[in-house]
């Protein structure tokens, strides 16, 4: 796999790609649905604003 940005490039070997795929799979398993995330963020903002 080759990654590029404005300043540099990077080659990842298959083992590194596999580790990245595993990490993404783990995040997807534990992540909240977008609607729940939005609600949680809204609640935290409201609580923070109430304490100021």
N, C-alpha and C. Protein backbone atom coordinates (compact mmCIF):
# COMPACT_ATOMS: atom_id res chain seq x y z
N UNK A 1 0.84 -1.15 0.00
CA UNK A 1 0.00 0.00 0.00
C UNK A 1 0.90 1.23 0.00
N UNK A 2 0.53 2.23 -0.77
CA UNK A 2 1.27 3.48 -0.82
C UNK A 2 0.36 4.60 -0.34
N UNK A 3 0.86 5.39 0.60
CA UNK A 3 0.14 6.56 1.10
C UNK A 3 0.90 7.79 0.65
N UNK A 4 0.18 8.79 0.22
CA UNK A 4 0.83 10.04 -0.19
C UNK A 4 0.08 11.22 0.40
N UNK A 5 0.84 12.27 0.71
CA UNK A 5 0.25 13.55 1.06
C UNK A 5 1.05 14.64 0.35
N UNK A 6 0.86 15.87 0.71
CA UNK A 6 1.51 16.96 -0.02
C UNK A 6 3.02 16.95 0.08
N UNK A 7 3.55 16.46 1.18
CA UNK A 7 4.99 16.57 1.42
C UNK A 7 5.77 15.26 1.28
N UNK A 8 5.09 14.13 1.39
CA UNK A 8 5.85 12.88 1.38
C UNK A 8 4.97 11.71 0.96
N UNK A 9 5.59 10.58 0.86
CA UNK A 9 4.89 9.34 0.56
C UNK A 9 5.40 8.25 1.49
N UNK A 10 4.66 7.17 1.56
CA UNK A 10 5.01 6.10 2.49
C UNK A 10 4.50 4.78 1.91
N UNK A 11 5.33 3.76 1.98
CA UNK A 11 4.91 2.42 1.57
C UNK A 11 4.67 1.59 2.82
N UNK A 12 3.54 0.91 2.87
CA UNK A 12 3.26 -0.01 3.97
C UNK A 12 3.34 -1.44 3.45
N UNK A 13 3.95 -2.29 4.26
CA UNK A 13 4.04 -3.71 3.92
C UNK A 13 2.75 -4.40 4.34
N UNK A 14 2.53 -5.60 3.84
CA UNK A 14 1.28 -6.33 4.08
C UNK A 14 0.98 -6.48 5.57
N UNK A 15 2.00 -6.74 6.38
CA UNK A 15 1.78 -6.90 7.83
C UNK A 15 1.25 -5.60 8.43
N UNK A 16 1.79 -4.46 8.02
CA UNK A 16 1.32 -3.17 8.52
C UNK A 16 -0.11 -2.89 8.05
N UNK A 17 -0.40 -3.24 6.80
CA UNK A 17 -1.76 -3.06 6.27
C UNK A 17 -2.73 -3.91 7.08
N UNK A 18 -2.35 -5.14 7.37
CA UNK A 18 -3.20 -6.04 8.16
C UNK A 18 -3.48 -5.45 9.54
N UNK A 19 -2.46 -4.91 10.18
CA UNK A 19 -2.63 -4.30 11.50
C UNK A 19 -3.57 -3.10 11.43
N UNK A 20 -3.45 -2.30 10.40
CA UNK A 20 -4.35 -1.15 10.23
C UNK A 20 -5.78 -1.60 10.02
N UNK A 21 -5.96 -2.64 9.23
CA UNK A 21 -7.32 -3.17 8.99
C UNK A 21 -7.92 -3.70 10.28
N UNK A 22 -7.12 -4.36 11.10
CA UNK A 22 -7.61 -4.86 12.38
C UNK A 22 -8.02 -3.70 13.29
N UNK A 23 -7.22 -2.64 13.30
CA UNK A 23 -7.54 -1.48 14.13
C UNK A 23 -8.85 -0.84 13.68
N UNK A 24 -9.04 -0.71 12.39
CA UNK A 24 -10.28 -0.13 11.86
C UNK A 24 -11.47 -1.01 12.24
N UNK A 25 -11.32 -2.31 12.12
CA UNK A 25 -12.40 -3.24 12.47
C UNK A 25 -12.77 -3.10 13.95
N UNK A 26 -11.77 -2.95 14.81
CA UNK A 26 -12.03 -2.78 16.23
C UNK A 26 -12.79 -1.49 16.50
N UNK A 27 -12.36 -0.41 15.88
CA UNK A 27 -13.05 0.88 16.06
C UNK A 27 -14.50 0.77 15.60
N UNK A 28 -14.73 0.13 14.47
CA UNK A 28 -16.09 -0.01 13.96
C UNK A 28 -16.96 -0.85 14.89
N UNK A 29 -16.37 -1.82 15.57
CA UNK A 29 -17.12 -2.66 16.51
C UNK A 29 -17.56 -1.89 17.75
N UNK A 30 -16.72 -0.99 18.23
CA UNK A 30 -17.02 -0.32 19.50
C UNK A 30 -17.61 1.08 19.33
N UNK A 31 -17.61 1.59 18.12
CA UNK A 31 -18.10 2.95 17.89
C UNK A 31 -19.62 3.03 18.03
N UNK A 32 -20.07 4.17 18.52
CA UNK A 32 -21.50 4.43 18.59
C UNK A 32 -22.02 4.73 17.19
N UNK A 33 -23.31 4.51 16.98
CA UNK A 33 -23.90 4.97 15.72
C UNK A 33 -23.79 6.50 15.64
N UNK A 34 -23.73 7.07 14.45
CA UNK A 34 -23.58 8.52 14.30
C UNK A 34 -24.62 9.32 15.08
N UNK A 35 -25.87 8.85 15.09
CA UNK A 35 -26.92 9.59 15.79
C UNK A 35 -26.65 9.63 17.29
N UNK A 36 -26.20 8.51 17.85
CA UNK A 36 -25.88 8.46 19.28
C UNK A 36 -24.68 9.34 19.61
N UNK A 37 -23.69 9.35 18.73
CA UNK A 37 -22.52 10.21 18.94
C UNK A 37 -22.93 11.67 18.94
N UNK A 38 -23.78 12.04 18.00
CA UNK A 38 -24.24 13.43 17.92
C UNK A 38 -24.99 13.81 19.19
N UNK A 39 -25.85 12.92 19.68
CA UNK A 39 -26.61 13.20 20.90
C UNK A 39 -25.67 13.35 22.10
N UNK A 40 -24.69 12.48 22.22
CA UNK A 40 -23.74 12.55 23.33
C UNK A 40 -22.96 13.86 23.29
N UNK A 41 -22.49 14.24 22.12
CA UNK A 41 -21.73 15.50 21.99
C UNK A 41 -22.61 16.68 22.37
N UNK A 42 -23.86 16.68 21.92
CA UNK A 42 -24.79 17.76 22.26
C UNK A 42 -25.00 17.83 23.76
N UNK A 43 -25.16 16.69 24.41
CA UNK A 43 -25.36 16.66 25.86
C UNK A 43 -24.13 17.18 26.60
N UNK A 44 -22.95 16.77 26.17
CA UNK A 44 -21.71 17.23 26.82
C UNK A 44 -21.55 18.73 26.66
N UNK A 45 -21.83 19.25 25.48
CA UNK A 45 -21.75 20.70 25.25
C UNK A 45 -22.72 21.43 26.16
N UNK A 46 -23.94 20.93 26.26
CA UNK A 46 -24.94 21.57 27.12
C UNK A 46 -24.49 21.58 28.57
N UNK A 47 -23.94 20.46 29.04
CA UNK A 47 -23.45 20.39 30.41
C UNK A 47 -22.29 21.36 30.63
N UNK A 48 -21.39 21.45 29.67
CA UNK A 48 -20.25 22.36 29.81
C UNK A 48 -20.71 23.82 29.82
N UNK A 49 -21.65 24.14 28.97
CA UNK A 49 -22.15 25.52 28.92
C UNK A 49 -22.90 25.87 30.20
N UNK A 50 -23.57 24.90 30.81
CA UNK A 50 -24.33 25.15 32.03
C UNK A 50 -23.41 25.40 33.23
N UNK A 51 -22.19 24.89 33.18
CA UNK A 51 -21.27 25.07 34.31
C UNK A 51 -20.37 26.29 34.16
N UNK A 52 -20.52 27.01 33.07
CA UNK A 52 -19.66 28.19 32.88
C UNK A 52 -20.28 29.42 33.46
